Amino acid sequence: MVDLFRPPSLFLFFRYLIGHILFFLIAASSVIIIVLGGYSLKIFLNNTIPIIIDIIVGFVISVILMIKFQFYKYLIIDRGYGPIDALKKSAEIIKGSVFGLFIFGVMLSFINFLGLLFLIVGLLITIPATILADIFVYRKLLSFAESILIVESSSILKIKSP
């Protein structure tokens, strides 16, 4: 087992912490910026509808950004990426899978909600199961993204050679 408080692992802990803070700032900033814009429109137009629309738009953008960067934590721990590189790689490996990952997240949330209904004891089973399912999806998407990268780099090599 890895000791998180020894020097090499302590460095990993701080990379994970910085990545988590960046992830939160990215997700929250879209909501804050859009809500502030809607509030300024409310003052200008004297109407609350722009705030409601902006909250919905901000929420949708925030969910998309959270889906796009959701695998940063696994990339930091599994591959040793830095926080910013992990966020970039996470965005790269989920290309074309945003809607599928959204449905997957809704299903995992529903499973955890069912665990909550069983007197909270069900969460002892559903939370580890959903984390393992999330890790499985991460591994599949990462291997798929790496196989595409290998195919693209080999085709580039074939084109360059006469």
Protein backbone atom coordinates (compact mmCIF):
# COMPACT_ATOMS: atom_id res chain seq x y z
CA MET A 1 0.00 0.00 0.00
CA VAL A 2 1.22 3.49 -0.81
CA ASP A 3 1.95 5.77 2.10
CA LEU A 4 0.63 9.19 1.07
CA PHE A 5 2.72 11.07 3.61
CA ARG A 6 6.20 9.92 2.65
CA PRO A 7 8.19 12.32 0.43
CA PRO A 8 7.49 10.80 -3.03
CA SER A 9 3.85 10.17 -2.19
CA LEU A 10 3.49 13.54 -0.51
CA PHE A 11 4.41 15.09 -3.86
CA LEU A 12 1.68 12.96 -5.46
CA PHE A 13 -0.77 14.14 -2.80
CA PHE A 14 -0.05 17.80 -3.57
CA ARG A 15 -0.39 17.21 -7.32
CA TYR A 16 -3.75 15.57 -6.67
CA LEU A 17 -4.81 18.43 -4.38
CA ILE A 18 -3.81 21.09 -6.93
CA GLY A 19 -5.61 19.15 -9.68
CA HIS A 20 -8.72 18.96 -7.52
CA ILE A 21 -8.63 22.70 -6.84
CA LEU A 22 -8.20 23.45 -10.57
CA PHE A 23 -11.07 21.09 -11.43
CA PHE A 24 -13.32 22.87 -8.93
CA LEU A 25 -12.32 26.31 -10.22
CA ILE A 26 -13.00 25.30 -13.83
CA ALA A 27 -16.43 23.89 -12.98
CA ALA A 28 -17.46 26.72 -10.66
CA SER A 29 -16.10 29.57 -12.77
CA SER A 30 -18.51 28.91 -15.64
CA VAL A 31 -21.50 29.12 -13.31
CA ILE A 32 -20.19 32.22 -11.54
CA ILE A 33 -19.39 34.10 -14.74
CA ILE A 34 -22.70 33.30 -16.39
CA VAL A 35 -24.76 34.07 -13.28
CA LEU A 36 -22.99 37.42 -12.86
CA GLY A 37 -23.74 38.19 -16.50
CA GLY A 38 -27.38 37.31 -15.96
CA TYR A 39 -27.52 39.47 -12.86
CA SER A 40 -26.18 42.43 -14.81
CA LEU A 41 -28.85 41.77 -17.48
CA LYS A 42 -31.49 41.66 -14.75
CA ILE A 43 -30.43 45.08 -13.55
CA PHE A 44 -30.42 46.39 -17.11
CA LEU A 45 -33.73 44.81 -18.19
CA ASN A 46 -35.40 44.76 -14.74
CA ASN A 47 -36.46 41.14 -15.29
CA THR A 48 -35.58 37.84 -13.55
CA ILE A 49 -35.85 35.62 -16.64
CA PRO A 50 -32.23 36.30 -17.74
CA ILE A 51 -30.97 35.02 -14.38
CA ILE A 52 -32.98 31.80 -14.68
CA ILE A 53 -31.77 31.24 -18.24
CA ASP A 54 -28.17 31.98 -17.22
CA ILE A 55 -28.33 29.58 -14.28
CA ILE A 56 -29.53 26.81 -16.59
CA VAL A 57 -26.86 27.61 -19.22
CA GLY A 58 -24.19 27.85 -16.51
CA PHE A 59 -25.26 24.51 -15.08
CA VAL A 60 -25.13 22.82 -18.51
CA ILE A 61 -21.69 24.28 -19.26
CA SER A 62 -20.46 23.26 -15.81
CA VAL A 63 -21.69 19.66 -16.30
CA ILE A 64 -19.98 19.48 -19.71
CA LEU A 65 -16.72 20.76 -18.21
CA MET A 66 -16.94 18.30 -15.31
CA ILE A 67 -17.48 15.44 -17.75
CA LYS A 68 -14.60 16.65 -19.91
CA PHE A 69 -12.12 16.75 -17.02
CA GLN A 70 -13.48 13.95 -14.81
CA PHE A 71 -10.57 11.54 -15.30
CA TYR A 72 -7.84 13.95 -14.15
CA LYS A 73 -7.56 12.24 -10.76
CA TYR A 74 -6.89 8.83 -12.27
CA LEU A 75 -4.29 10.26 -14.64
CA ILE A 76 -2.44 11.90 -11.75
CA ILE A 77 -2.40 8.71 -9.70
CA ASP A 78 -2.12 6.12 -12.48
CA ARG A 79 0.15 7.83 -14.99
CA GLY A 80 1.92 10.41 -12.80
CA TYR A 81 0.78 13.44 -14.79
CA GLY A 82 0.94 16.91 -13.34
CA PRO A 83 -2.38 18.64 -12.62
CA ILE A 84 -2.58 20.68 -15.83
CA ASP A 85 -1.34 17.83 -18.03
CA ALA A 86 -3.87 15.50 -16.42
CA LEU A 87 -6.70 17.92 -17.19
CA LYS A 88 -5.53 18.21 -20.81
CA LYS A 89 -5.18 14.44 -21.21
CA SER A 90 -8.60 13.89 -19.64
CA ALA A 91 -10.16 16.22 -22.19
CA GLU A 92 -8.30 14.36 -24.93
CA ILE A 93 -9.38 10.84 -23.99
CA ILE A 94 -13.11 11.59 -23.79
CA LYS A 95 -13.45 13.12 -27.26
CA GLY A 96 -16.70 11.92 -28.79
CA SER A 97 -17.91 10.34 -25.55
CA VAL A 98 -19.44 13.28 -23.69
CA PHE A 99 -23.06 12.22 -24.07
CA GLY A 100 -22.28 8.59 -23.25
CA LEU A 101 -20.35 9.66 -20.16
CA PHE A 102 -23.26 11.89 -19.14
CA ILE A 103 -25.67 8.93 -19.34
CA PHE A 104 -23.13 6.79 -17.48
CA GLY A 105 -22.89 9.42 -14.71
CA VAL A 106 -26.67 9.60 -14.43
CA MET A 107 -26.80 5.81 -14.10
CA LEU A 108 -24.10 5.81 -11.41
CA SER A 109 -25.96 8.55 -9.53
CA PHE A 110 -29.17 6.53 -9.73
CA ILE A 111 -27.40 3.43 -8.40
CA ASN A 112 -25.99 5.43 -5.48
CA PHE A 113 -29.44 6.91 -4.83
CA LEU A 114 -30.84 3.38 -4.60
CA GLY A 115 -28.08 2.57 -2.12
CA LEU A 116 -29.13 5.60 -0.11
CA LEU A 117 -32.73 4.37 -0.01
CA PHE A 118 -31.63 1.14 1.67
CA LEU A 119 -31.04 2.85 5.00
CA ILE A 120 -27.69 4.30 3.88
CA VAL A 121 -26.10 0.85 4.39
CA GLY A 122 -26.54 0.24 0.66
CA LEU A 123 -24.01 3.00 -0.01
CA LEU A 124 -21.35 0.72 1.47
CA ILE A 125 -21.88 -1.46 -1.59
CA THR A 126 -22.89 1.04 -4.28
CA ILE A 127 -20.15 3.66 -3.81
CA PRO A 128 -17.24 1.20 -4.23
CA ALA A 129 -19.07 -0.45 -7.13
CA THR A 130 -19.61 2.86 -8.93
CA ILE A 131 -16.00 3.94 -8.33
CA LEU A 132 -14.81 0.66 -9.86
CA ALA A 133 -17.17 1.17 -12.80
CA ASP A 134 -15.76 4.68 -13.28
CA ILE A 135 -12.20 3.33 -13.22
CA PHE A 136 -13.17 0.64 -15.74
CA VAL A 137 -14.52 3.30 -18.13
CA TYR A 138 -11.36 5.36 -17.61
CA ARG A 139 -9.17 2.38 -18.51
CA LYS A 140 -11.21 1.57 -21.61
CA LEU A 141 -11.21 5.18 -22.86
CA LEU A 142 -7.49 5.54 -22.15
CA SER A 143 -6.59 2.35 -24.02
CA PHE A 144 -8.84 3.40 -26.92
CA ALA A 145 -7.24 6.88 -27.06
CA GLU A 146 -3.74 5.37 -26.97
CA SER A 147 -4.59 2.87 -29.74
CA ILE A 148 -5.85 5.73 -31.92
CA LEU A 149 -2.65 7.65 -31.19
CA ILE A 150 -0.55 4.64 -32.22
CA VAL A 151 -2.52 4.18 -35.45
CA GLU A 152 -2.25 7.88 -36.29
CA SER A 153 1.49 8.00 -35.61
CA SER A 154 2.13 4.86 -37.68
CA SER A 155 0.10 6.26 -40.58
CA ILE A 156 2.07 9.51 -40.38
CA LEU A 157 5.30 7.50 -40.53
CA LYS A 158 4.04 5.61 -43.59
CA ILE A 159 3.16 8.82 -45.40
CA LYS A 160 6.54 10.39 -44.73
CA SER A 161 8.58 7.42 -45.91
CA PRO A 162 8.97 7.16 -49.73
